[in-house]
């Protein structure tokens, strides 16, 4: 599979910002679950 590259570096910066927001949300949810005693279970099938 070939992926097109963009000439506008702003697109990549925006993608990194969105990824950072998502990572922070996941980490916050994991922390809240840890405080509530809910286990974090990840599985790769």
C-alpha atoms as a PDB file:
ATOM      1  CA  UNK A   1       0.000   0.000   0.000  1.00  0.00           C
ATOM      2  CA  UNK A   2       1.416   3.365  -0.971  1.00  0.00           C
ATOM      3  CA  UNK A   3       0.670   6.496   1.060  1.00  0.00           C
ATOM      4  CA  UNK A   4       0.622   9.942  -0.505  1.00  0.00           C
ATOM      5  CA  UNK A   5       2.929  12.532   1.043  1.00  0.00           C
ATOM      6  CA  UNK A   6       1.796  16.095   1.608  1.00  0.00           C
ATOM      7  CA  UNK A   7       3.921  19.137   0.872  1.00  0.00           C
ATOM      8  CA  UNK A   8       2.205  21.193   3.596  1.00  0.00           C
ATOM      9  CA  UNK A   9       4.035  20.577   6.882  1.00  0.00           C
ATOM     10  CA  UNK A  10       1.046  22.113   8.693  1.00  0.00           C
ATOM     11  CA  UNK A  11      -0.956  18.971   7.979  1.00  0.00           C
ATOM     12  CA  UNK A  12       1.593  16.894   9.874  1.00  0.00           C
ATOM     13  CA  UNK A  13       1.696  19.359  12.771  1.00  0.00           C
ATOM     14  CA  UNK A  14      -2.105  19.268  13.039  1.00  0.00           C
ATOM     15  CA  UNK A  15      -2.076  15.458  12.974  1.00  0.00           C
ATOM     16  CA  UNK A  16       0.456  15.440  15.826  1.00  0.00           C
ATOM     17  CA  UNK A  17      -1.731  17.829  17.830  1.00  0.00           C
ATOM     18  CA  UNK A  18      -4.746  15.570  17.354  1.00  0.00           C
ATOM     19  CA  UNK A  19      -2.710  12.504  18.311  1.00  0.00           C
ATOM     20  CA  UNK A  20      -1.461  14.272  21.451  1.00  0.00           C
ATOM     21  CA  UNK A  21      -5.041  15.108  22.492  1.00  0.00           C
ATOM     22  CA  UNK A  22      -6.057  11.478  21.966  1.00  0.00           C
ATOM     23  CA  UNK A  23      -3.087  10.144  23.929  1.00  0.00           C
ATOM     24  CA  UNK A  24      -3.820  12.494  26.826  1.00  0.00           C
ATOM     25  CA  UNK A  25      -7.469  11.391  26.873  1.00  0.00           C
ATOM     26  CA  UNK A  26      -6.492   7.721  26.943  1.00  0.00           C
ATOM     27  CA  UNK A  27      -3.973   8.292  29.720  1.00  0.00           C
ATOM     28  CA  UNK A  28      -6.539  10.239  31.744  1.00  0.00           C
ATOM     29  CA  UNK A  29      -9.105   7.452  31.328  1.00  0.00           C
ATOM     30  CA  UNK A  30      -6.540   4.817  32.362  1.00  0.00           C
ATOM     31  CA  UNK A  31      -5.613   6.842  35.445  1.00  0.00           C
ATOM     32  CA  UNK A  32      -9.269   7.300  36.441  1.00  0.00           C
ATOM     33  CA  UNK A  33      -9.894   3.579  35.991  1.00  0.00           C
ATOM     34  CA  UNK A  34      -6.808   2.742  38.059  1.00  0.00           C
ATOM     35  CA  UNK A  35      -8.107   4.936  40.899  1.00  0.00           C
ATOM     36  CA  UNK A  36     -11.465   3.135  40.721  1.00  0.00           C
ATOM     37  CA  UNK A  37      -9.783  -0.257  40.729  1.00  0.00           C
ATOM     38  CA  UNK A  38     -10.777  -1.122  37.180  1.00  0.00           C
ATOM     39  CA  UNK A  39      -8.027  -3.190  35.537  1.00  0.00           C
ATOM     40  CA  UNK A  40      -6.458  -2.131  32.267  1.00  0.00           C
ATOM     41  CA  UNK A  41      -6.545  -5.118  29.967  1.00  0.00           C
ATOM     42  CA  UNK A  42      -5.096  -4.969  26.475  1.00  0.00           C
ATOM     43  CA  UNK A  43      -5.175  -7.890  24.092  1.00  0.00           C
ATOM     44  CA  UNK A  44      -3.714  -8.473  20.659  1.00  0.00           C
ATOM     45  CA  UNK A  45      -5.354 -11.296  18.764  1.00  0.00           C
END
